[in-house]
Amino acid sequence: MLNQFRQTPPRQAEAFAIYFSNPSFQALSPAFKRRPVALLCLKPRAINALSTAGIRTIGQLIDRAERGIVSLRAAGVLTRNEIISALDALSKSIRTDDIDWVAYAKHRGFVILPEKRRVHWSPQAFLEELPRVAAAVVGLEGGAKALVVLRERLLCAARNVLTLEKTGRQIGTTREFVRQLENDITGMLHEVFWPDQQLWHGAGSRRQPSDYRRWVCRRSRFQLRPEFLQPLREFAAALTSEDKRRALSPLDWERILRKVWEVRPYQLEAAENLILNLLGLRLAKRTKTMFLGAQKKINRLLAHDYPEGLSRRELATILRKKLGPMAPTMAELPALVRLDPALELFHGRYRSRAGVLSRTADRFERILRRAGKPMHFRKLATSQTLEGGRTTELAAVGKLYRDPRFVPIAKTGLWAMKAWNLDTGSITEIAAEFWRKNHWTRKSSPRPLA
């Protein structure tokens, strides 16, 4: 093959040069020629040798190979043969619209994954095959320790990830080594499952487009079938920018899975954490200490901002706005309320007990509504003290006068809720108002004659 396309006999200095030319290269688009040589799945030594010679794109490699790459430093016989083999496989895999990467992998002698070929991969079939494909890829590249890390840290449900310390004890290493190995595995799988840089970047990766030429592709012995990756591409296309930016709550994650793949989270337990990593998503993890913050927020809301109480749906909506994905769900709220002695359920609404309300006027309102009738200010002050507050009779009268929710009833010392629309005037004022509304006038009868 080396002498197949030579125009003239080589000189002594060109005995180990690389010459390759093929008319089929003319069918390649300019956009494809601008892509990096790492896309050809060369080993790092070959990529470094080409980079030293100033060859960083596929187009530069093809042009230089047609003229002859004479001085290729740090490239031995195996490296030169690998470059020639990649060019030969590329020339045999060119199609009218694109490159047939499966044919390229076959010509290079790579392993084709998955082994069985399907015209269409459903989400369920993809989820069943994904653990086997990931284990085969990591087994070819990483070895036994990498397989243990893959199984315990990625091929599992997001809530069942084994800690770094326990994983390190299984393979006899430190937690930092496990962390580094996990990052290497995740990076390698990213390169395998997102060979197209735009799709990877669009799926939530932090890698910038300018970094694409510096990639070193490690998938040197295998190739994934394009149709196998279609369900993952469709999932990435259905995600919004908000989904990629924030941590997803379990309810949001379940909603996305039902909408895109029509599956439930328990069907992903064999590879849920791996799918989250491939898509660049974060799932909020629920811990015991997380509910302490939620319970404090509930007490603050019901004792200060909403003393009249909130329904379960209203409370869940407010908590979700304030706490985001760490907010408890509607199904978890009843348990939190039952565990807190300061909260109670009254006519379908969650509210704080009267003794823990932060404002004295709110306690007065709770006592009046519980009694259902006007009360004397002395009895209000006494009842409020029994509930846990401290207020003198004089201070109670001042608070009642300053709050527009309460109205006094004449000069009796009784107080009522303004929302009750009671007549709060004296007997004389009520009688006069009654006469005025009925348009009655006072007529004095003449005195009888003596």
Protein backbone atom coordinates (compact mmCIF):
# COMPACT_ATOMS: atom_id res chain seq x y z
CA MET A 1 0.00 0.00 0.00
CA LEU A 2 2.87 2.33 0.72
CA ASN A 3 4.08 2.31 -2.89
CA GLN A 4 0.65 2.09 -4.50
CA PHE A 5 0.22 5.84 -5.05
CA ARG A 6 3.86 6.93 -5.45
CA GLN A 7 4.46 9.16 -8.46
CA THR A 8 8.24 8.72 -8.48
CA PRO A 9 10.62 6.30 -6.75
CA PRO A 10 11.33 7.48 -3.17
CA ARG A 11 14.55 9.03 -2.10
CA GLN A 12 16.56 7.67 0.81
CA ALA A 13 15.07 10.26 3.21
CA GLU A 14 11.55 9.30 2.16
CA ALA A 15 11.87 5.60 2.84
CA PHE A 16 9.68 5.89 5.93
CA ALA A 17 7.37 8.66 4.70
CA ILE A 18 3.58 8.40 4.48
CA TYR A 19 2.04 8.61 1.01
CA PHE A 20 -1.66 8.08 0.43
CA SER A 21 -4.15 9.36 -2.11
CA ASN A 22 -7.61 8.33 -3.21
CA PRO A 23 -10.11 10.02 -5.59
CA SER A 24 -12.94 9.33 -3.15
CA PHE A 25 -11.55 12.01 -0.81
CA GLN A 26 -12.90 14.64 -3.20
CA ALA A 27 -16.43 13.75 -2.10
CA LEU A 28 -15.74 14.90 1.47
CA SER A 29 -17.42 18.14 2.46
CA PRO A 30 -15.34 21.13 3.64
CA ALA A 31 -17.09 20.97 7.01
CA PHE A 32 -15.98 17.37 7.53
CA LYS A 33 -12.41 18.20 6.51
CA ARG A 34 -12.29 20.83 9.25
CA ARG A 35 -12.99 18.25 11.93
CA PRO A 36 -10.09 17.06 14.14
CA VAL A 37 -8.01 13.98 13.38
CA ALA A 38 -9.05 12.55 16.76
CA LEU A 39 -12.35 11.70 15.08
CA LEU A 40 -10.51 8.93 13.19
CA CYS A 41 -9.96 7.11 16.52
CA LEU A 42 -6.16 7.24 16.38
CA LYS A 43 -4.09 6.42 19.40
CA PRO A 44 -2.61 9.29 21.43
CA ARG A 45 0.90 8.67 20.07
CA ALA A 46 -0.31 9.06 16.47
CA ILE A 47 -2.29 12.20 17.33
CA ASN A 48 0.70 13.74 19.09
CA ALA A 49 2.99 12.93 16.15
CA LEU A 50 0.59 14.53 13.67
CA SER A 51 0.13 17.57 15.93
CA THR A 52 3.91 18.03 16.07
CA ALA A 53 3.95 18.08 12.26
CA GLY A 54 1.21 20.75 12.22
CA ILE A 55 -1.59 18.37 11.21
CA ARG A 56 -4.68 18.85 13.34
CA THR A 57 -7.66 18.38 11.00
CA ILE A 58 -8.73 15.59 8.66
CA GLY A 59 -8.37 17.90 5.66
CA GLN A 60 -4.77 18.73 6.58
CA LEU A 61 -4.00 15.02 6.96
CA ILE A 62 -5.44 14.18 3.52
CA ASP A 63 -3.61 17.06 1.78
CA ARG A 64 -0.28 16.29 3.43
CA ALA A 65 -0.61 12.55 2.75
CA GLU A 66 -1.15 13.21 -0.97
CA ARG A 67 2.07 15.27 -1.08
CA GLY A 68 3.85 12.99 1.36
CA ILE A 69 4.44 13.31 5.11
CA VAL A 70 8.22 12.99 5.20
CA SER A 71 9.34 14.20 8.60
CA LEU A 72 6.98 12.69 11.13
CA ARG A 73 8.87 12.77 14.38
CA ALA A 74 8.10 10.46 17.29
CA ALA A 75 6.32 8.07 14.92
CA GLY A 76 7.52 4.50 14.64
CA VAL A 77 6.48 1.82 12.23
CA LEU A 78 3.31 0.94 14.12
CA THR A 79 2.21 4.58 14.32
CA ARG A 80 2.78 5.14 10.57
CA ASN A 81 0.92 1.95 9.72
CA GLU A 82 -1.97 3.07 11.94
CA ILE A 83 -2.24 6.40 10.11
CA ILE A 84 -2.17 4.69 6.72
CA SER A 85 -4.77 2.16 7.90
CA ALA A 86 -7.03 5.01 9.07
CA LEU A 87 -6.74 6.78 5.69
CA ASP A 88 -7.45 3.56 3.82
CA ALA A 89 -10.50 2.77 5.99
CA LEU A 90 -11.76 6.35 5.56
CA SER A 91 -11.50 6.13 1.77
CA LYS A 92 -13.58 2.92 1.78
CA SER A 93 -16.26 4.33 4.10
CA ILE A 94 -17.19 7.53 2.24
CA ARG A 95 -20.86 7.75 1.27
CA THR A 96 -22.72 10.38 -0.70
CA ASP A 97 -24.08 12.19 2.35
CA ASP A 98 -21.73 11.24 5.19
CA ILE A 99 -19.22 8.73 6.54
CA ASP A 100 -20.37 5.22 7.39
CA TRP A 101 -18.64 4.92 10.74
CA VAL A 102 -19.69 1.30 11.22
CA ALA A 103 -17.96 0.38 7.93
CA TYR A 104 -14.94 2.45 9.01
CA ALA A 105 -14.77 0.54 12.29
CA LYS A 106 -14.99 -2.80 10.48
CA HIS A 107 -12.11 -1.85 8.17
CA ARG A 108 -10.08 -0.80 11.22
CA GLY A 109 -10.86 -4.07 12.99
CA PHE A 110 -12.82 -2.49 15.85
CA VAL A 111 -15.51 -4.16 17.94
CA ILE A 112 -19.01 -3.12 16.84
CA LEU A 113 -21.39 -2.49 19.71
CA PRO A 114 -24.08 -3.64 20.21
CA GLU A 115 -23.53 -6.95 18.49
CA LYS A 116 -27.12 -7.31 17.29
CA ARG A 117 -28.23 -4.92 14.60
CA ARG A 118 -31.66 -3.30 14.72
CA VAL A 119 -33.31 -0.88 12.36
CA HIS A 120 -34.99 0.95 15.24
CA TRP A 121 -34.10 1.01 18.93
CA SER A 122 -36.99 1.75 21.26
CA PRO A 123 -36.28 3.42 24.63
CA GLN A 124 -37.00 0.13 26.42
CA ALA A 125 -34.59 -1.81 24.21
CA PHE A 126 -31.97 0.92 24.62
CA LEU A 127 -32.27 0.76 28.41
CA GLU A 128 -31.88 -3.02 28.40
CA GLU A 129 -28.77 -2.94 26.21
CA LEU A 130 -27.05 0.14 27.69
CA PRO A 131 -25.48 -1.62 30.75
CA ARG A 132 -23.97 -4.33 28.54
CA VAL A 133 -22.59 -1.81 26.04
CA ALA A 134 -21.11 0.40 28.79
CA ALA A 135 -19.51 -2.62 30.49
CA ALA A 136 -18.02 -3.79 27.18
CA VAL A 137 -16.56 -0.33 26.44
CA VAL A 138 -15.07 0.10 29.91
CA GLY A 139 -13.81 -3.48 29.94
CA LEU A 140 -11.89 -2.92 26.70
CA GLU A 141 -10.31 0.30 27.91
CA GLY A 142 -10.21 0.34 31.70
CA GLY A 143 -9.76 -3.11 33.17
CA ALA A 144 -11.18 -4.82 36.24
CA LYS A 145 -11.02 -1.84 38.64
CA ALA A 146 -12.80 0.39 36.18
CA LEU A 147 -15.57 -2.20 35.83
CA VAL A 148 -16.11 -2.19 39.61
CA VAL A 149 -16.35 1.60 39.65
CA LEU A 150 -18.73 1.53 36.69
CA ARG A 151 -20.97 -1.02 38.39
CA GLU A 152 -21.07 0.63 41.82
CA ARG A 153 -21.08 4.31 40.81
CA LEU A 154 -22.80 4.54 37.39
CA LEU A 155 -24.78 1.38 36.57
CA CYS A 156 -27.19 1.91 39.45
CA ALA A 157 -30.08 4.08 40.55
CA ALA A 158 -29.20 7.63 41.53
CA ARG A 159 -30.30 6.99 45.13
CA ASN A 160 -28.22 3.80 45.47
CA VAL A 161 -24.77 5.08 44.48
CA LEU A 162 -22.08 3.47 46.62
CA THR A 163 -19.86 5.95 48.44
CA LEU A 164 -16.31 6.62 47.32
CA GLU A 165 -14.89 5.10 50.51
CA LYS A 166 -16.80 1.81 50.18
CA THR A 167 -15.96 1.56 46.48
CA GLY A 168 -12.30 2.18 47.26
CA ARG A 169 -12.30 -0.62 49.86
CA GLN A 170 -13.68 -3.04 47.26
CA ILE A 171 -10.78 -2.46 44.86
CA GLY A 172 -8.15 -1.70 47.50
CA THR A 173 -7.57 1.99 46.66
CA THR A 174 -8.31 5.42 48.09
CA ARG A 175 -11.43 7.47 47.55
CA GLU A 176 -9.49 10.01 45.45
CA PHE A 177 -8.36 7.27 43.08
CA VAL A 178 -11.99 6.14 42.73
CA ARG A 179 -13.07 9.72 42.03
CA GLN A 180 -10.40 10.15 39.37
CA LEU A 181 -11.20 6.80 37.78
CA GLU A 182 -14.90 7.65 37.72
CA ASN A 183 -14.15 10.96 35.99
CA ASP A 184 -12.02 9.14 33.40
CA ILE A 185 -14.80 6.63 32.77
CA THR A 186 -17.42 9.37 32.44
CA GLY A 187 -15.22 11.34 30.03
CA MET A 188 -14.54 8.29 27.89
CA LEU A 189 -18.23 7.39 27.73
CA HIS A 190 -19.05 10.98 26.78
CA GLU A 191 -16.69 10.75 23.84
CA VAL A 192 -18.20 7.41 22.82
CA PHE A 193 -21.88 8.33 23.15
CA TRP A 194 -21.54 11.88 21.83
CA PRO A 195 -19.16 11.65 18.85
CA ASP A 196 -20.83 14.75 17.43
CA GLN A 197 -19.51 17.73 19.39
CA GLN A 198 -22.62 19.86 18.86
CA LEU A 199 -24.89 17.18 20.31
CA TRP A 200 -22.63 16.70 23.30
CA HIS A 201 -22.37 20.41 23.96
CA GLY A 202 -26.12 20.77 23.52
CA ALA A 203 -26.79 18.01 26.02
CA GLY A 204 -25.43 20.06 28.88
CA SER A 205 -21.66 19.54 28.71
CA ARG A 206 -19.43 22.34 29.95
CA ARG A 207 -16.89 21.71 27.21
CA GLN A 208 -16.66 24.71 24.90
CA PRO A 209 -16.56 24.42 21.08
CA SER A 210 -13.01 25.80 21.02
CA ASP A 211 -11.85 22.76 23.01
CA TYR A 212 -13.04 20.30 20.38
CA ARG A 213 -9.73 20.23 18.46
CA ARG A 214 -7.82 19.32 21.58
CA TRP A 215 -9.81 16.15 22.27
CA VAL A 216 -7.93 12.89 22.38
CA CYS A 217 -10.37 10.15 21.45
CA ARG A 218 -9.88 6.98 23.50
CA ARG A 219 -12.38 4.73 21.67
CA SER A 220 -9.61 2.97 19.77
CA ARG A 221 -11.02 -0.56 19.68
CA PHE A 222 -14.80 -0.25 19.37
CA GLN A 223 -17.57 1.62 17.56
CA LEU A 224 -21.21 2.15 18.49
CA ARG A 225 -23.94 1.73 15.93
CA PRO A 226 -25.53 5.13 15.10
CA GLU A 227 -29.09 3.78 15.38
CA PHE A 228 -28.35 2.61 18.94
CA LEU A 229 -27.65 6.21 19.99
CA GLN A 230 -30.89 7.58 18.52
CA PRO A 231 -33.01 7.31 21.72
CA LEU A 232 -30.35 9.19 23.68
CA ARG A 233 -30.17 11.93 21.02
CA GLU A 234 -33.95 12.32 21.06
CA PHE A 235 -33.90 12.63 24.85
CA ALA A 236 -31.18 15.31 24.71
CA ALA A 237 -33.12 17.25 22.07
CA ALA A 238 -36.27 17.23 24.24
CA LEU A 239 -34.52 18.80 27.25
CA THR A 240 -34.92 22.51 27.90
CA SER A 241 -32.21 24.89 29.03
CA GLU A 242 -33.92 25.09 32.43
CA ASP A 243 -33.67 21.31 32.85
CA LYS A 244 -29.92 21.40 32.17
CA ARG A 245 -29.21 24.38 34.40
CA ARG A 246 -30.86 23.34 37.66
CA ALA A 247 -30.96 20.20 39.75
CA LEU A 248 -34.06 18.19 38.94
CA SER A 249 -36.41 17.05 41.63
CA PRO A 250 -37.58 13.42 41.52
CA LEU A 251 -40.99 14.60 40.30
CA ASP A 252 -39.45 16.62 37.44
CA TRP A 253 -37.25 13.68 36.46
CA GLU A 254 -40.27 11.35 36.43
CA ARG A 255 -42.24 13.89 34.35
CA ILE A 256 -39.46 14.13 31.74
CA LEU A 257 -39.11 10.34 31.52
CA ARG A 258 -42.84 9.90 30.98
CA LYS A 259 -42.95 12.63 28.35
CA VAL A 260 -39.92 11.62 26.26
CA TRP A 261 -39.43 7.88 26.73
CA GLU A 262 -42.79 6.89 28.27
CA VAL A 263 -41.04 4.99 31.07
CA ARG A 264 -40.96 5.22 34.86
CA PRO A 265 -37.82 5.81 37.00
CA TYR A 266 -37.78 2.23 38.30
CA GLN A 267 -37.20 1.03 34.72
CA LEU A 268 -33.89 2.95 34.68
CA GLU A 269 -32.48 1.54 37.90
CA ALA A 270 -29.90 -0.54 36.01
CA ALA A 271 -28.25 2.59 34.56
CA GLU A 272 -30.02 5.71 35.89
CA ASN A 273 -26.89 7.45 37.17
CA LEU A 274 -25.05 6.78 33.89
CA ILE A 275 -27.90 8.29 31.85
CA LEU A 276 -27.90 11.39 34.06
CA ASN A 277 -24.15 11.77 33.51
CA LEU A 278 -24.44 11.29 29.75
CA LEU A 279 -27.17 13.91 29.53
CA GLY A 280 -25.36 16.36 31.81
CA LEU A 281 -28.25 16.42 34.30
CA ARG A 282 -28.23 16.62 38.08
CA LEU A 283 -30.80 14.93 40.29
CA ALA A 284 -31.50 16.43 43.70
CA LYS A 285 -30.79 13.85 46.38
CA ARG A 286 -33.18 13.70 49.31
CA THR A 287 -31.60 13.21 52.73
CA LYS A 288 -32.89 13.26 56.29
CA THR A 289 -31.26 16.59 57.11
CA MET A 290 -32.88 18.15 54.06
CA PHE A 291 -36.31 17.98 55.72
CA LEU A 292 -35.09 20.03 58.68
CA GLY A 293 -34.75 23.10 56.46
CA ALA A 294 -38.12 22.40 54.88
CA GLN A 295 -39.77 22.08 58.29
CA LYS A 296 -38.27 25.38 59.48
CA LYS A 297 -39.55 27.07 56.33
CA ILE A 298 -43.04 25.63 56.89
CA ASN A 299 -43.11 26.90 60.49
CA ARG A 300 -42.00 30.36 59.35
CA LEU A 301 -44.60 30.54 56.60
CA LEU A 302 -47.54 29.41 58.74
CA ALA A 303 -46.57 31.32 61.89
CA HIS A 304 -45.74 34.66 60.26
CA ASP A 305 -46.77 34.98 56.60
CA TYR A 306 -49.96 32.89 56.46
CA PRO A 307 -51.49 32.70 59.96
CA GLU A 308 -54.87 31.82 58.47
CA GLY A 309 -53.39 28.59 57.09
CA LEU A 310 -52.76 27.05 53.66
CA SER A 311 -54.12 24.09 51.81
CA ARG A 312 -51.76 21.24 50.97
CA ARG A 313 -51.51 22.28 47.32
CA GLU A 314 -50.91 25.94 48.21
CA LEU A 315 -48.22 25.01 50.73
CA ALA A 316 -46.49 22.66 48.25
CA THR A 317 -46.49 25.36 45.55
CA ILE A 318 -44.97 27.99 47.86
CA LEU A 319 -42.30 25.59 49.15
CA ARG A 320 -41.34 24.62 45.61
CA LYS A 321 -40.84 28.27 44.69
CA LYS A 322 -38.71 28.92 47.75
CA LEU A 323 -36.76 25.63 48.06
CA GLY A 324 -36.65 24.43 44.46
CA PRO A 325 -36.01 20.71 43.97
CA MET A 326 -35.28 20.25 47.68
CA ALA A 327 -38.91 21.01 48.61
CA PRO A 328 -41.00 18.14 49.98
CA THR A 329 -43.66 16.74 47.70
CA MET A 330 -47.40 16.87 48.33
CA ALA A 331 -47.28 13.24 49.44
CA GLU A 332 -44.62 14.04 52.07
CA LEU A 333 -46.34 17.09 53.59
CA PRO A 334 -48.85 15.22 55.81
CA ALA A 335 -46.03 13.27 57.48
CA LEU A 336 -44.05 16.47 58.15
CA VAL A 337 -47.11 18.16 59.67
CA ARG A 338 -47.86 15.18 61.93
CA LEU A 339 -44.27 15.15 63.20
CA ASP A 340 -44.37 18.84 64.18
CA PRO A 341 -46.41 19.56 67.35
CA ALA A 342 -46.62 23.25 66.44
CA LEU A 343 -48.73 22.55 63.32
CA GLU A 344 -52.27 21.30 62.94
CA LEU A 345 -54.79 20.44 60.24
CA PHE A 346 -58.01 22.45 60.52
CA HIS A 347 -60.81 22.06 57.96
CA GLY A 348 -58.42 20.86 55.28
CA ARG A 349 -55.85 23.63 55.85
CA TYR A 350 -52.46 23.43 57.54
CA ARG A 351 -51.86 26.13 60.12
CA SER A 352 -49.76 26.92 63.18
CA ARG A 353 -51.27 26.49 66.62
CA ALA A 354 -52.33 29.71 68.31
CA GLY A 355 -49.48 29.63 70.81
CA VAL A 356 -46.71 29.73 68.16
CA LEU A 357 -48.10 32.54 66.01
CA SER A 358 -45.53 35.33 65.87
CA ARG A 359 -47.96 38.27 66.17
CA THR A 360 -50.32 38.87 69.08
CA ALA A 361 -53.06 40.17 66.78
CA ASP A 362 -52.99 36.86 64.89
CA ARG A 363 -53.52 35.03 68.18
CA PHE A 364 -56.49 37.30 68.98
CA GLU A 365 -58.00 36.52 65.58
CA ARG A 366 -57.56 32.79 66.14
CA ILE A 367 -59.23 33.00 69.59
CA LEU A 368 -62.17 35.08 68.31
CA ARG A 369 -62.79 32.80 65.32
CA ARG A 370 -62.62 29.77 67.59
CA ALA A 371 -65.21 31.34 69.98
CA GLY A 372 -67.44 32.50 67.10
CA LYS A 373 -68.74 35.49 69.07
CA PRO A 374 -67.45 38.83 70.46
CA MET A 375 -65.21 38.66 73.52
CA HIS A 376 -64.15 41.11 76.21
CA PHE A 377 -60.59 42.38 75.89
CA ARG A 378 -59.75 41.05 79.38
CA LYS A 379 -60.86 37.56 78.38
CA LEU A 380 -58.91 37.88 75.12
CA ALA A 381 -55.74 38.77 77.01
CA THR A 382 -56.26 35.89 79.45
CA SER A 383 -56.94 33.38 76.68
CA GLN A 384 -53.89 34.58 74.75
CA THR A 385 -51.75 34.11 77.88
CA LEU A 386 -53.07 30.58 78.28
CA GLU A 387 -52.08 29.87 74.68
CA GLY A 388 -48.46 30.74 75.46
CA GLY A 389 -48.24 34.48 74.86
CA ARG A 390 -47.60 37.34 77.25
CA THR A 391 -49.74 40.46 76.95
CA THR A 392 -51.19 42.86 79.49
CA GLU A 393 -54.76 44.10 79.22
CA LEU A 394 -53.63 47.61 78.28
CA ALA A 395 -51.29 46.29 75.57
CA ALA A 396 -54.07 44.03 74.27
CA VAL A 397 -56.43 47.02 73.86
CA GLY A 398 -53.72 48.93 71.95
CA LYS A 399 -53.09 46.03 69.58
CA LEU A 400 -56.80 45.57 68.96
CA TYR A 401 -57.26 49.27 68.14
CA ARG A 402 -54.29 49.34 65.75
CA ASP A 403 -55.34 46.27 63.76
CA PRO A 404 -58.09 46.86 61.15
CA ARG A 405 -59.34 43.30 61.50
CA PHE A 406 -61.04 44.08 64.84
CA VAL A 407 -63.83 46.47 65.77
CA PRO A 408 -65.07 47.47 69.26
CA ILE A 409 -68.72 47.16 70.21
CA ALA A 410 -69.67 50.57 71.58
CA LYS A 411 -68.22 51.08 75.05
CA THR A 412 -68.89 47.60 76.35
CA GLY A 413 -65.28 46.39 76.16
CA LEU A 414 -66.31 43.67 73.70
CA TRP A 415 -64.41 43.15 70.45
CA ALA A 416 -65.49 41.38 67.27
CA MET A 417 -64.07 40.59 63.84
CA LYS A 418 -64.76 43.24 61.22
CA ALA A 419 -65.46 40.46 58.70
CA TRP A 420 -68.53 39.47 60.74
CA ASN A 421 -70.34 42.74 59.83
CA LEU A 422 -71.94 43.11 63.25
CA ASP A 423 -73.69 46.25 64.49
CA THR A 424 -71.13 47.64 66.90
CA GLY A 425 -72.88 50.89 67.91
CA SER A 426 -74.84 51.68 71.06
CA ILE A 427 -78.58 50.98 71.42
CA THR A 428 -79.39 54.60 70.60
CA GLU A 429 -77.16 54.62 67.52
CA ILE A 430 -78.66 51.35 66.26
CA ALA A 431 -82.22 52.67 66.73
CA ALA A 432 -81.40 55.93 64.96
CA GLU A 433 -79.86 54.08 62.04
CA PHE A 434 -82.92 51.86 61.83
CA TRP A 435 -85.23 54.88 61.68
CA ARG A 436 -83.07 56.57 59.06
CA LYS A 437 -82.96 53.55 56.76
CA ASN A 438 -86.77 53.24 56.88
CA HIS A 439 -87.27 56.99 56.23
CA TRP A 440 -89.22 57.46 59.42
CA THR A 441 -89.55 60.94 60.92
CA ARG A 442 -90.43 61.96 64.44
CA LYS A 443 -93.84 63.65 64.76
CA SER A 444 -94.95 65.12 68.06
CA SER A 445 -98.60 64.51 68.88
CA PRO A 446 -100.64 67.62 69.92
CA ARG A 447 -101.35 68.04 73.56
CA PRO A 448 -104.90 67.36 74.57
CA LEU A 449 -106.93 70.38 75.53
CA ALA A 450 -107.70 70.76 79.19
